[in-house]
Each structure stands twice: as C-alpha cells, then as structure tokens.
Amino acid sequence: MSQPRRVVVTVATYKRPALLGELLASLAAISDESPFSIIVIDNDPDGSGEAAVVSSGLSVSYSVEPTPGIVAARNAALEQVRDDTTDIVFVDDDETVPRGWLVELLRVRDLYGAEIVCGPVESVFPEGSPSWIEKGGYIQRSNETEGLTDRAPATNNTLVSMAPIRALGLRFDQSFSETGGSDTHFFRSLTRSGVSVAWAPGAAVSEVVPINRLTFRWVMRRYIRINNVSGRLMLDDISRAHLAFKAVLSIAYGIPRTLFALIRGKGLRLADTRYITRGIGWLGAASDRLVREYRRTTPS
C-alpha cells in the first residue's frame, strides 16, 4: 500500500504583507481541491507578515526567522517540515495561485515519476510598463511543453519530493544569501544526484511585476547577478581562467549582435543582451566580485 501523500506549501516572506495576503487568499480558494498544509517563514524580525496570516483564516504554521536572507528563511521552513511530509512546494510571497494549480503539479509528478515538478510564472505587467521590456523578452519566463526536462528548477513554483532532500541531508547554502542563487545550487545538488525534473505548463502562478523593476538598470543588473551566480557554480568544474575566457568571448559576441539588432530596428532583446550580461557576470565570478543584491544587516 502506497504512503498517503502529505504536501506542505512553504512561503518565505519579507515586508510584503499585502502581497502575502493575496497569496494566502488564493491558497484558501483551492483548499478544497487537494489537502495541503502551509508554512510561512517571516524574515522580518518585526513580524510584519503576521497580520496577513491571521486574517487569512487558514491554519498556517507561522514563525519569524530573524537571520537576514532568503537562505535562512528557506532553511527554517525545511526544519519545520514534519517527518510524514512527502512533498514540499515552494512559492514566492508575491505570487498567486489559480484553481487546479496543486492538482496539476501532482498529476504531472505521478504521470512522469519525477521527484521535482516545476510550473510557469506568468508576469503581469502594470499599466504604463515600458514596451521594450515586454517586446524584448525581459522579466517574463519562457514556457515549454509538458514532460521531463533538463530545465533548472527554482523556488518560485516548484514541487519537490522530500525523500531525496532527506537522503542527501540537503539545505540551502548560506554563502548565497546575499547574492541569490541558493535555489539554483540546491536544485543542482538534487539533479546531480539523479533526481528527475518535469515541467507542468498547466500549473502556472501569476506575479505582478513592480513598476520599479521596469527599468534598464534593474533589468541589466538582474541578468548580471543571475550569471554571476551561474559563474560561481561553473567554478566547481572549470578554472577561473577558463571562465574568464568564456566571459570575454560571450561579451565579444553579444556587443555586435545587440548593435546589429538595434540598427535593424529590433530594439533591445534578451536574446542579444544576454551574452553581454552573461559575460559581465562570469567575469565577476572569475575575479570573485560578487553582486550582493540581497545584503542586509544582521540584527543585534
């Protein structure tokens, strides 16, 4: 007889009580579809998310993790997972889930026998968003067909079996707390151990993009940071000199490609500029210059 499935949805939050409330409301709306419990870890020492949890009417395991950084919050969630939990689901506090979301993640998991199942994150742009960001393919994530995939998972909409996490004694790496990328490192550890990944296009969540992210500076810095992290991970397998060489080649390819697209009236496109930001991020990793976007002061 198979073990009954026990699913827990985990949320790390930091000073976004209104958005957290919207997420919890969307979870409440699907509570009749498939059983799950909820863990909310508030990374704000003042507990700014507590009121949203209380007003949700849901039975939520809520606690404050005062150590700054998403890594501490994610690890606190893992520590609270009960021994009989079979699956953990990661969602962000600025997302909302539709009806059928969890059912679809579980269906794809059962159909393909995958220990990790990822779903899309659909970006919702506010009115007045710069057209070049949408047209250029920035911010929004790409989709793909249902089935097994070699796509790198993230913690923005992913179901994971607890069995391999327990077998590996896996936790998020604190060294990525200020730079981001701890989820990339976490899931790479799982996939390198032989864990399979499936994509569930029907299990999409929505994310409203803040207007302050819709700038050239923010978008370019985002992709530099992402590739700064990927470069750090690549250093596990190649030398710093090799990474720097690859970085220079990427920039040398990306600059004329981007200029040519602009000359042809195509505008700025992620398909072109990604080679430049990739190279800059990799150069930073090769020289140990890290983009510490999430640096915060440790409370005394």
C-alpha atoms as a PDB file:
ATOM      1  CA  MET A   1       0.000   0.000   0.000  1.00  0.00           C
ATOM      2  CA  SER A   2       1.443   3.357  -1.021  1.00  0.00           C
ATOM      3  CA  GLN A   3       2.144   6.050   1.545  1.00  0.00           C
ATOM      4  CA  PRO A   4      -0.565   8.743   1.656  1.00  0.00           C
ATOM      5  CA  ARG A   5       0.628  11.994   0.140  1.00  0.00           C
ATOM      6  CA  ARG A   6       1.195  14.834   2.597  1.00  0.00           C
ATOM      7  CA  VAL A   7       2.016  18.146   0.931  1.00  0.00           C
ATOM      8  CA  VAL A   8       3.235  21.333   2.565  1.00  0.00           C
ATOM      9  CA  VAL A   9       3.348  24.695   0.767  1.00  0.00           C
ATOM     10  CA  THR A  10       6.185  26.884   2.039  1.00  0.00           C
ATOM     11  CA  VAL A  11       6.470  30.652   1.730  1.00  0.00           C
ATOM     12  CA  ALA A  12       9.372  32.882   2.714  1.00  0.00           C
ATOM     13  CA  THR A  13       8.282  36.497   3.126  1.00  0.00           C
ATOM     14  CA  TYR A  14       9.914  39.829   3.915  1.00  0.00           C
ATOM     15  CA  LYS A  15       7.995  43.073   4.430  1.00  0.00           C
ATOM     16  CA  ARG A  16       5.317  42.379   1.823  1.00  0.00           C
ATOM     17  CA  PRO A  17       2.210  41.791   3.948  1.00  0.00           C
ATOM     18  CA  ALA A  18      -0.295  42.896   1.307  1.00  0.00           C
ATOM     19  CA  LEU A  19       1.165  40.560  -1.320  1.00  0.00           C
ATOM     20  CA  LEU A  20       1.415  37.752   1.226  1.00  0.00           C
ATOM     21  CA  GLY A  21      -2.267  38.251   1.997  1.00  0.00           C
ATOM     22  CA  GLU A  22      -3.152  37.891  -1.685  1.00  0.00           C
ATOM     23  CA  LEU A  23      -1.150  34.671  -1.946  1.00  0.00           C
ATOM     24  CA  LEU A  24      -2.811  33.202   1.140  1.00  0.00           C
ATOM     25  CA  ALA A  25      -6.237  34.165  -0.191  1.00  0.00           C
ATOM     26  CA  SER A  26      -5.507  32.308  -3.417  1.00  0.00           C
ATOM     27  CA  LEU A  27      -4.372  29.263  -1.431  1.00  0.00           C
ATOM     28  CA  ALA A  28      -7.543  29.408   0.633  1.00  0.00           C
ATOM     29  CA  ALA A  29      -9.559  29.327  -2.603  1.00  0.00           C
ATOM     30  CA  ILE A  30      -8.056  25.949  -3.573  1.00  0.00           C
ATOM     31  CA  SER A  31      -8.092  24.339  -0.142  1.00  0.00           C
ATOM     32  CA  ASP A  32     -10.997  22.104  -1.169  1.00  0.00           C
ATOM     33  CA  GLU A  33      -9.154  20.571  -4.149  1.00  0.00           C
ATOM     34  CA  SER A  34      -6.284  18.642  -2.589  1.00  0.00           C
ATOM     35  CA  PRO A  35      -5.099  18.581   1.027  1.00  0.00           C
ATOM     36  CA  PHE A  36      -2.023  20.611   1.954  1.00  0.00           C
ATOM     37  CA  SER A  37      -0.592  22.449   4.922  1.00  0.00           C
ATOM     38  CA  ILE A  38       1.202  25.814   4.877  1.00  0.00           C
ATOM     39  CA  ILE A  39       4.438  27.065   6.423  1.00  0.00           C
ATOM     40  CA  VAL A  40       5.163  30.804   6.354  1.00  0.00           C
ATOM     41  CA  ILE A  41       8.585  31.998   7.456  1.00  0.00           C
ATOM     42  CA  ASP A  42       8.749  35.742   8.038  1.00  0.00           C
ATOM     43  CA  ASN A  43      12.262  37.107   7.565  1.00  0.00           C
ATOM     44  CA  ASP A  44      11.235  40.450   9.073  1.00  0.00           C
ATOM     45  CA  PRO A  45      12.252  40.460  12.767  1.00  0.00           C
ATOM     46  CA  ASP A  46       9.223  42.701  13.427  1.00  0.00           C
ATOM     47  CA  GLY A  47       6.855  40.043  12.073  1.00  0.00           C
ATOM     48  CA  SER A  48       5.166  42.302   9.534  1.00  0.00           C
ATOM     49  CA  GLY A  49       3.521  39.316   7.843  1.00  0.00           C
ATOM     50  CA  GLU A  50       1.700  38.009  10.918  1.00  0.00           C
ATOM     51  CA  ALA A  51      -1.460  40.069  10.427  1.00  0.00           C
ATOM     52  CA  ALA A  52      -1.851  38.724   6.874  1.00  0.00           C
ATOM     53  CA  VAL A  53      -1.532  35.174   8.172  1.00  0.00           C
ATOM     54  CA  VAL A  54      -4.080  35.722  10.948  1.00  0.00           C
ATOM     55  CA  SER A  55      -6.597  37.427   8.645  1.00  0.00           C
ATOM     56  CA  SER A  56      -6.312  34.648   6.044  1.00  0.00           C
ATOM     57  CA  GLY A  57      -8.364  32.306   8.178  1.00  0.00           C
ATOM     58  CA  LEU A  58      -6.056  29.439   7.207  1.00  0.00           C
ATOM     59  CA  SER A  59      -4.278  27.090   9.556  1.00  0.00           C
ATOM     60  CA  VAL A  60      -0.730  28.257   8.959  1.00  0.00           C
ATOM     61  CA  SER A  61       2.490  27.382  10.743  1.00  0.00           C
ATOM     62  CA  TYR A  62       3.919  30.900  11.061  1.00  0.00           C
ATOM     63  CA  SER A  63       7.238  31.867  12.579  1.00  0.00           C
ATOM     64  CA  VAL A  64       9.822  34.638  12.394  1.00  0.00           C
ATOM     65  CA  GLU A  65      13.372  33.905  11.248  1.00  0.00           C
ATOM     66  CA  PRO A  66      15.421  36.961  12.292  1.00  0.00           C
ATOM     67  CA  THR A  67      18.624  35.977  10.490  1.00  0.00           C
ATOM     68  CA  PRO A  68      18.653  38.139   7.339  1.00  0.00           C
ATOM     69  CA  GLY A  69      18.404  36.449   3.962  1.00  0.00           C
ATOM     70  CA  ILE A  70      16.233  34.118   1.945  1.00  0.00           C
ATOM     71  CA  VAL A  71      18.562  31.204   2.721  1.00  0.00           C
ATOM     72  CA  ALA A  72      17.870  31.393   6.449  1.00  0.00           C
ATOM     73  CA  ALA A  73      14.129  31.606   5.776  1.00  0.00           C
ATOM     74  CA  ARG A  74      14.105  28.649   3.379  1.00  0.00           C
ATOM     75  CA  ASN A  75      16.148  26.515   5.751  1.00  0.00           C
ATOM     76  CA  ALA A  76      13.835  27.445   8.618  1.00  0.00           C
ATOM     77  CA  ALA A  77      10.943  26.146   6.518  1.00  0.00           C
ATOM     78  CA  LEU A  78      12.746  22.868   5.852  1.00  0.00           C
ATOM     79  CA  GLU A  79      13.407  22.444   9.571  1.00  0.00           C
ATOM     80  CA  GLN A  80       9.681  22.736  10.253  1.00  0.00           C
ATOM     81  CA  VAL A  81       8.617  20.101   7.720  1.00  0.00           C
ATOM     82  CA  ARG A  82       7.040  17.166   9.523  1.00  0.00           C
ATOM     83  CA  ASP A  83       8.537  13.703   9.235  1.00  0.00           C
ATOM     84  CA  ASP A  84       5.445  12.359   7.477  1.00  0.00           C
ATOM     85  CA  THR A  85       5.530  15.059   4.766  1.00  0.00           C
ATOM     86  CA  THR A  86       6.023  13.549   1.307  1.00  0.00           C
ATOM     87  CA  ASP A  87       6.255  16.698  -0.822  1.00  0.00           C
ATOM     88  CA  ILE A  88       7.197  20.325  -0.310  1.00  0.00           C
ATOM     89  CA  VAL A  89       6.074  23.131  -2.603  1.00  0.00           C
ATOM     90  CA  PHE A  90       7.960  26.418  -2.890  1.00  0.00           C
ATOM     91  CA  VAL A  91       6.105  29.578  -3.940  1.00  0.00           C
ATOM     92  CA  ASP A  92       7.075  33.241  -3.625  1.00  0.00           C
ATOM     93  CA  ASP A  93       5.195  35.724  -1.453  1.00  0.00           C
ATOM     94  CA  ASP A  94       4.417  37.984  -4.425  1.00  0.00           C
ATOM     95  CA  GLU A  95       2.600  35.289  -6.416  1.00  0.00           C
ATOM     96  CA  THR A  96      -0.971  33.999  -6.535  1.00  0.00           C
ATOM     97  CA  VAL A  97      -2.118  30.517  -7.493  1.00  0.00           C
ATOM     98  CA  PRO A  98      -5.208  29.594  -9.572  1.00  0.00           C
ATOM     99  CA  ARG A  99      -7.665  26.759  -9.049  1.00  0.00           C
ATOM    100  CA  GLY A 100      -6.242  23.447 -10.176  1.00  0.00           C
ATOM    101  CA  TRP A 101      -2.652  24.533  -9.570  1.00  0.00           C
ATOM    102  CA  LEU A 102      -1.615  21.976  -6.962  1.00  0.00           C
ATOM    103  CA  VAL A 103      -3.708  19.240  -8.555  1.00  0.00           C
ATOM    104  CA  GLU A 104      -1.820  19.798 -11.799  1.00  0.00           C
ATOM    105  CA  LEU A 105       1.612  19.699 -10.134  1.00  0.00           C
ATOM    106  CA  LEU A 106       0.705  16.390  -8.514  1.00  0.00           C
ATOM    107  CA  ARG A 107      -0.758  14.978 -11.725  1.00  0.00           C
ATOM    108  CA  VAL A 108       2.426  15.695 -13.659  1.00  0.00           C
ATOM    109  CA  ARG A 109       4.526  14.247 -10.880  1.00  0.00           C
ATOM    110  CA  ASP A 110       2.554  10.993 -10.906  1.00  0.00           C
ATOM    111  CA  LEU A 111       2.453  10.786 -14.691  1.00  0.00           C
ATOM    112  CA  TYR A 112       6.204  11.192 -15.236  1.00  0.00           C
ATOM    113  CA  GLY A 113       7.520   9.846 -11.933  1.00  0.00           C
ATOM    114  CA  ALA A 114       9.566  12.998 -11.388  1.00  0.00           C
ATOM    115  CA  GLU A 115      10.816  13.999  -7.955  1.00  0.00           C
ATOM    116  CA  ILE A 116      10.730  17.686  -8.966  1.00  0.00           C
ATOM    117  CA  VAL A 117       7.879  19.359 -10.852  1.00  0.00           C
ATOM    118  CA  CYS A 118       8.084  23.000 -11.983  1.00  0.00           C
ATOM    119  CA  GLY A 119       5.351  25.257 -13.269  1.00  0.00           C
ATOM    120  CA  PRO A 120       5.402  28.589 -15.105  1.00  0.00           C
ATOM    121  CA  VAL A 121       5.398  32.020 -13.506  1.00  0.00           C
ATOM    122  CA  GLU A 122       3.302  34.396 -15.592  1.00  0.00           C
ATOM    123  CA  SER A 123       4.411  38.014 -15.269  1.00  0.00           C
ATOM    124  CA  VAL A 124       1.608  40.549 -15.056  1.00  0.00           C
ATOM    125  CA  PHE A 125       2.815  43.975 -16.179  1.00  0.00           C
ATOM    126  CA  PRO A 126       1.254  47.116 -14.690  1.00  0.00           C
ATOM    127  CA  GLU A 127      -0.271  49.755 -16.914  1.00  0.00           C
ATOM    128  CA  GLY A 128       2.341  52.059 -18.395  1.00  0.00           C
ATOM    129  CA  SER A 129       5.106  49.428 -18.466  1.00  0.00           C
ATOM    130  CA  PRO A 130       7.903  50.153 -20.959  1.00  0.00           C
ATOM    131  CA  SER A 131       7.094  48.322 -24.164  1.00  0.00           C
ATOM    132  CA  TRP A 132      10.725  47.369 -24.798  1.00  0.00           C
ATOM    133  CA  ILE A 133      10.782  45.160 -21.702  1.00  0.00           C
ATOM    134  CA  GLU A 134       7.805  43.109 -22.857  1.00  0.00           C
ATOM    135  CA  LYS A 135       8.795  43.028 -26.527  1.00  0.00           C
ATOM    136  CA  GLY A 136      12.389  42.183 -25.689  1.00  0.00           C
ATOM    137  CA  GLY A 137      11.503  39.107 -23.645  1.00  0.00           C
ATOM    138  CA  TYR A 138      12.739  40.501 -20.338  1.00  0.00           C
ATOM    139  CA  ILE A 139      11.194  39.657 -16.953  1.00  0.00           C
ATOM    140  CA  GLN A 140       8.724  37.025 -18.209  1.00  0.00           C
ATOM    141  CA  ARG A 141       9.853  33.400 -18.100  1.00  0.00           C
ATOM    142  CA  SER A 142       9.713  31.075 -21.074  1.00  0.00           C
ATOM    143  CA  ASN A 143       7.311  28.138 -21.163  1.00  0.00           C
ATOM    144  CA  GLU A 144       7.685  24.663 -22.632  1.00  0.00           C
ATOM    145  CA  THR A 145       5.690  21.525 -23.312  1.00  0.00           C
ATOM    146  CA  GLU A 146       4.706  19.109 -20.573  1.00  0.00           C
ATOM    147  CA  GLY A 147       7.108  16.348 -19.645  1.00  0.00           C
ATOM    148  CA  LEU A 148      10.578  15.581 -18.355  1.00  0.00           C
ATOM    149  CA  THR A 149      13.029  18.431 -18.795  1.00  0.00           C
ATOM    150  CA  ASP A 150      16.628  19.468 -18.174  1.00  0.00           C
ATOM    151  CA  ARG A 151      15.465  22.951 -17.200  1.00  0.00           C
ATOM    152  CA  ALA A 152      16.943  24.288 -13.963  1.00  0.00           C
ATOM    153  CA  PRO A 153      14.241  24.494 -11.258  1.00  0.00           C
ATOM    154  CA  ALA A 154      13.748  27.500  -8.988  1.00  0.00           C
ATOM    155  CA  THR A 155      11.785  28.078  -5.791  1.00  0.00           C
ATOM    156  CA  ASN A 156       9.146  30.288  -7.416  1.00  0.00           C
ATOM    157  CA  ASN A 157       6.715  27.474  -8.331  1.00  0.00           C
ATOM    158  CA  THR A 158       8.113  24.029  -7.688  1.00  0.00           C
ATOM    159  CA  LEU A 159       7.040  20.800  -6.004  1.00  0.00           C
ATOM    160  CA  VAL A 160       9.801  18.590  -4.623  1.00  0.00           C
ATOM    161  CA  SER A 161       9.751  15.149  -3.072  1.00  0.00           C
ATOM    162  CA  MET A 162      11.141  15.230   0.458  1.00  0.00           C
ATOM    163  CA  ALA A 163      12.712  11.784   0.047  1.00  0.00           C
ATOM    164  CA  PRO A 164      15.869  12.909  -1.831  1.00  0.00           C
ATOM    165  CA  ILE A 165      16.157  16.040   0.323  1.00  0.00           C
ATOM    166  CA  ARG A 166      16.236  13.830   3.422  1.00  0.00           C
ATOM    167  CA  ALA A 167      18.545  11.273   1.821  1.00  0.00           C
ATOM    168  CA  LEU A 168      21.101  13.967   0.978  1.00  0.00           C
ATOM    169  CA  GLY A 169      20.582  15.937   4.192  1.00  0.00           C
ATOM    170  CA  LEU A 170      20.208  18.902   1.877  1.00  0.00           C
ATOM    171  CA  ARG A 171      19.839  22.528   2.923  1.00  0.00           C
ATOM    172  CA  PHE A 172      20.219  25.862   1.144  1.00  0.00           C
ATOM    173  CA  ASP A 173      23.797  27.162   1.122  1.00  0.00           C
ATOM    174  CA  GLN A 174      24.259  30.221   3.324  1.00  0.00           C
ATOM    175  CA  SER A 175      27.075  31.540   1.106  1.00  0.00           C
ATOM    176  CA  PHE A 176      24.421  32.509  -1.473  1.00  0.00           C
ATOM    177  CA  SER A 177      22.351  34.541   0.987  1.00  0.00           C
ATOM    178  CA  GLU A 178      23.465  37.985  -0.211  1.00  0.00           C
ATOM    179  CA  THR A 179      23.854  37.155  -3.901  1.00  0.00           C
ATOM    180  CA  GLY A 180      20.825  34.986  -4.588  1.00  0.00           C
ATOM    181  CA  GLY A 181      21.111  31.677  -6.376  1.00  0.00           C
ATOM    182  CA  SER A 182      20.788  29.399  -3.354  1.00  0.00           C
ATOM    183  CA  ASP A 183      17.858  27.682  -5.056  1.00  0.00           C
ATOM    184  CA  THR A 184      19.942  27.071  -8.193  1.00  0.00           C
ATOM    185  CA  HIS A 185      22.665  25.484  -6.054  1.00  0.00           C
ATOM    186  CA  PHE A 186      20.082  23.485  -4.076  1.00  0.00           C
ATOM    187  CA  PHE A 187      18.380  22.025  -7.123  1.00  0.00           C
ATOM    188  CA  ARG A 188      21.658  21.349  -8.892  1.00  0.00           C
ATOM    189  CA  SER A 189      22.641  19.167  -5.938  1.00  0.00           C
ATOM    190  CA  LEU A 190      19.401  17.249  -6.369  1.00  0.00           C
ATOM    191  CA  THR A 191      19.636  16.803 -10.139  1.00  0.00           C
ATOM    192  CA  ARG A 192      23.286  15.741  -9.958  1.00  0.00           C
ATOM    193  CA  SER A 193      22.211  13.001  -7.564  1.00  0.00           C
ATOM    194  CA  GLY A 194      19.944  11.613 -10.298  1.00  0.00           C
ATOM    195  CA  VAL A 195      16.653  13.291  -9.385  1.00  0.00           C
ATOM    196  CA  SER A 196      14.407  13.888 -12.398  1.00  0.00           C
ATOM    197  CA  VAL A 197      12.578  17.119 -13.260  1.00  0.00           C
ATOM    198  CA  ALA A 198       9.253  17.545 -15.057  1.00  0.00           C
ATOM    199  CA  TRP A 199       7.569  20.645 -16.426  1.00  0.00           C
ATOM    200  CA  ALA A 200       3.860  21.303 -15.774  1.00  0.00           C
ATOM    201  CA  PRO A 201       2.692  24.092 -18.112  1.00  0.00           C
ATOM    202  CA  GLY A 202      -0.823  23.880 -16.690  1.00  0.00           C
ATOM    203  CA  ALA A 203       0.328  24.733 -13.159  1.00  0.00           C
ATOM    204  CA  ALA A 204       1.040  28.411 -13.725  1.00  0.00           C
ATOM    205  CA  VAL A 205       1.148  31.034 -10.982  1.00  0.00           C
ATOM    206  CA  SER A 206       0.879  34.801 -11.505  1.00  0.00           C
ATOM    207  CA  GLU A 207       3.254  37.519 -10.382  1.00  0.00           C
ATOM    208  CA  VAL A 208       2.583  41.240 -10.658  1.00  0.00           C
ATOM    209  CA  VAL A 209       5.822  42.961 -11.677  1.00  0.00           C
ATOM    210  CA  PRO A 210       6.596  46.029  -9.510  1.00  0.00           C
ATOM    211  CA  ILE A 211       6.973  49.189 -11.553  1.00  0.00           C
ATOM    212  CA  ASN A 212      10.386  49.909 -10.001  1.00  0.00           C
ATOM    213  CA  ARG A 213      11.761  46.813 -11.706  1.00  0.00           C
ATOM    214  CA  LEU A 214      10.807  48.008 -15.155  1.00  0.00           C
ATOM    215  CA  THR A 215      13.981  49.981 -15.812  1.00  0.00           C
ATOM    216  CA  PHE A 216      17.048  49.356 -17.942  1.00  0.00           C
ATOM    217  CA  ARG A 217      19.300  49.473 -14.871  1.00  0.00           C
ATOM    218  CA  TRP A 218      17.274  46.924 -12.889  1.00  0.00           C
ATOM    219  CA  VAL A 219      16.861  44.513 -15.806  1.00  0.00           C
ATOM    220  CA  MET A 220      20.541  44.522 -16.759  1.00  0.00           C
ATOM    221  CA  ARG A 221      21.655  44.171 -13.140  1.00  0.00           C
ATOM    222  CA  ARG A 222      19.248  41.272 -12.717  1.00  0.00           C
ATOM    223  CA  TYR A 223      20.827  39.294 -15.536  1.00  0.00           C
ATOM    224  CA  ILE A 224      24.350  40.203 -14.463  1.00  0.00           C
ATOM    225  CA  ARG A 225      23.533  38.890 -10.981  1.00  0.00           C
ATOM    226  CA  ILE A 226      21.962  35.691 -12.331  1.00  0.00           C
ATOM    227  CA  ASN A 227      25.067  34.994 -14.384  1.00  0.00           C
ATOM    228  CA  ASN A 228      27.345  36.000 -11.546  1.00  0.00           C
ATOM    229  CA  VAL A 229      25.743  33.120  -9.640  1.00  0.00           C
ATOM    230  CA  SER A 230      25.955  30.719 -12.598  1.00  0.00           C
ATOM    231  CA  GLY A 231      29.643  31.598 -12.912  1.00  0.00           C
ATOM    232  CA  ARG A 232      30.197  30.733  -9.252  1.00  0.00           C
ATOM    233  CA  LEU A 233      28.656  27.338  -9.863  1.00  0.00           C
ATOM    234  CA  MET A 234      30.721  26.782 -13.006  1.00  0.00           C
ATOM    235  CA  LEU A 235      33.882  27.249 -10.945  1.00  0.00           C
ATOM    236  CA  ASP A 236      33.152  23.865  -9.392  1.00  0.00           C
ATOM    237  CA  ASP A 237      34.071  22.323 -12.751  1.00  0.00           C
ATOM    238  CA  ILE A 238      36.370  24.774 -14.581  1.00  0.00           C
ATOM    239  CA  SER A 239      39.227  27.121 -13.662  1.00  0.00           C
ATOM    240  CA  ARG A 240      38.875  30.869 -13.149  1.00  0.00           C
ATOM    241  CA  ALA A 241      40.977  31.484 -16.246  1.00  0.00           C
ATOM    242  CA  HIS A 242      38.717  29.269 -18.333  1.00  0.00           C
ATOM    243  CA  LEU A 243      35.618  31.047 -17.006  1.00  0.00           C
ATOM    244  CA  ALA A 244      37.154  34.455 -17.746  1.00  0.00           C
ATOM    245  CA  PHE A 245      37.964  33.352 -21.304  1.00  0.00           C
ATOM    246  CA  LYS A 246      34.382  32.188 -21.849  1.00  0.00           C
ATOM    247  CA  ALA A 247      33.166  35.503 -20.422  1.00  0.00           C
ATOM    248  CA  VAL A 248      35.224  37.587 -22.836  1.00  0.00           C
ATOM    249  CA  LEU A 249      34.025  35.510 -25.794  1.00  0.00           C
ATOM    250  CA  SER A 250      30.403  35.959 -24.684  1.00  0.00           C
ATOM    251  CA  ILE A 251      30.762  39.746 -24.448  1.00  0.00           C
ATOM    252  CA  ALA A 252      32.594  39.910 -27.766  1.00  0.00           C
ATOM    253  CA  TYR A 253      29.717  38.039 -29.387  1.00  0.00           C
ATOM    254  CA  GLY A 254      26.952  39.919 -27.608  1.00  0.00           C
ATOM    255  CA  ILE A 255      28.005  43.501 -28.333  1.00  0.00           C
ATOM    256  CA  PRO A 256      27.877  43.355 -32.159  1.00  0.00           C
ATOM    257  CA  ARG A 257      24.777  41.154 -32.026  1.00  0.00           C
ATOM    258  CA  THR A 258      22.988  43.733 -29.879  1.00  0.00           C
ATOM    259  CA  LEU A 259      24.158  46.655 -32.041  1.00  0.00           C
ATOM    260  CA  PHE A 260      23.063  44.872 -35.216  1.00  0.00           C
ATOM    261  CA  ALA A 261      19.601  44.263 -33.738  1.00  0.00           C
ATOM    262  CA  LEU A 262      19.305  47.948 -32.807  1.00  0.00           C
ATOM    263  CA  ILE A 263      20.395  49.052 -36.265  1.00  0.00           C
ATOM    264  CA  ARG A 264      17.755  46.800 -37.823  1.00  0.00           C
ATOM    265  CA  GLY A 265      15.104  48.357 -35.580  1.00  0.00           C
ATOM    266  CA  LYS A 266      14.587  45.228 -33.473  1.00  0.00           C
ATOM    267  CA  GLY A 267      15.206  47.102 -30.236  1.00  0.00           C
ATOM    268  CA  LEU A 268      16.767  45.691 -27.089  1.00  0.00           C
ATOM    269  CA  ARG A 269      16.176  41.955 -26.780  1.00  0.00           C
ATOM    270  CA  LEU A 270      17.157  39.446 -24.145  1.00  0.00           C
ATOM    271  CA  ALA A 271      18.183  37.118 -26.975  1.00  0.00           C
ATOM    272  CA  ASP A 272      21.022  39.569 -27.737  1.00  0.00           C
ATOM    273  CA  THR A 273      21.935  41.327 -24.488  1.00  0.00           C
ATOM    274  CA  ARG A 274      22.068  38.075 -22.502  1.00  0.00           C
ATOM    275  CA  TYR A 275      25.507  37.379 -23.954  1.00  0.00           C
ATOM    276  CA  ILE A 276      26.800  40.683 -22.615  1.00  0.00           C
ATOM    277  CA  THR A 277      25.288  40.331 -19.140  1.00  0.00           C
ATOM    278  CA  ARG A 278      26.397  36.695 -19.071  1.00  0.00           C
ATOM    279  CA  GLY A 279      29.977  37.708 -19.779  1.00  0.00           C
ATOM    280  CA  ILE A 280      29.950  40.503 -17.204  1.00  0.00           C
ATOM    281  CA  GLY A 281      28.504  38.192 -14.564  1.00  0.00           C
ATOM    282  CA  TRP A 282      31.018  35.477 -15.336  1.00  0.00           C
ATOM    283  CA  LEU A 283      33.925  37.923 -15.213  1.00  0.00           C
ATOM    284  CA  GLY A 284      32.766  38.995 -11.773  1.00  0.00           C
ATOM    285  CA  ALA A 285      32.642  35.390 -10.607  1.00  0.00           C
ATOM    286  CA  ALA A 286      36.078  34.647 -12.080  1.00  0.00           C
ATOM    287  CA  SER A 287      37.563  37.590 -10.169  1.00  0.00           C
ATOM    288  CA  ASP A 288      35.478  36.968  -7.027  1.00  0.00           C
ATOM    289  CA  ARG A 289      33.498  40.194  -7.457  1.00  0.00           C
ATOM    290  CA  LEU A 290      30.004  39.150  -6.437  1.00  0.00           C
ATOM    291  CA  VAL A 291      26.756  41.053  -6.894  1.00  0.00           C
ATOM    292  CA  ARG A 292      25.373  41.220  -3.351  1.00  0.00           C
ATOM    293  CA  GLU A 293      21.875  42.409  -4.172  1.00  0.00           C
ATOM    294  CA  TYR A 294      20.306  40.995  -1.032  1.00  0.00           C
ATOM    295  CA  ARG A 295      22.797  42.201   1.573  1.00  0.00           C
ATOM    296  CA  ARG A 296      21.108  43.201   4.831  1.00  0.00           C
ATOM    297  CA  THR A 297      22.338  43.999   8.316  1.00  0.00           C
ATOM    298  CA  THR A 298      22.261  41.189  10.850  1.00  0.00           C
ATOM    299  CA  PRO A 299      20.127  42.203  13.843  1.00  0.00           C
ATOM    300  CA  SER A 300      21.978  42.611  17.113  1.00  0.00           C
END
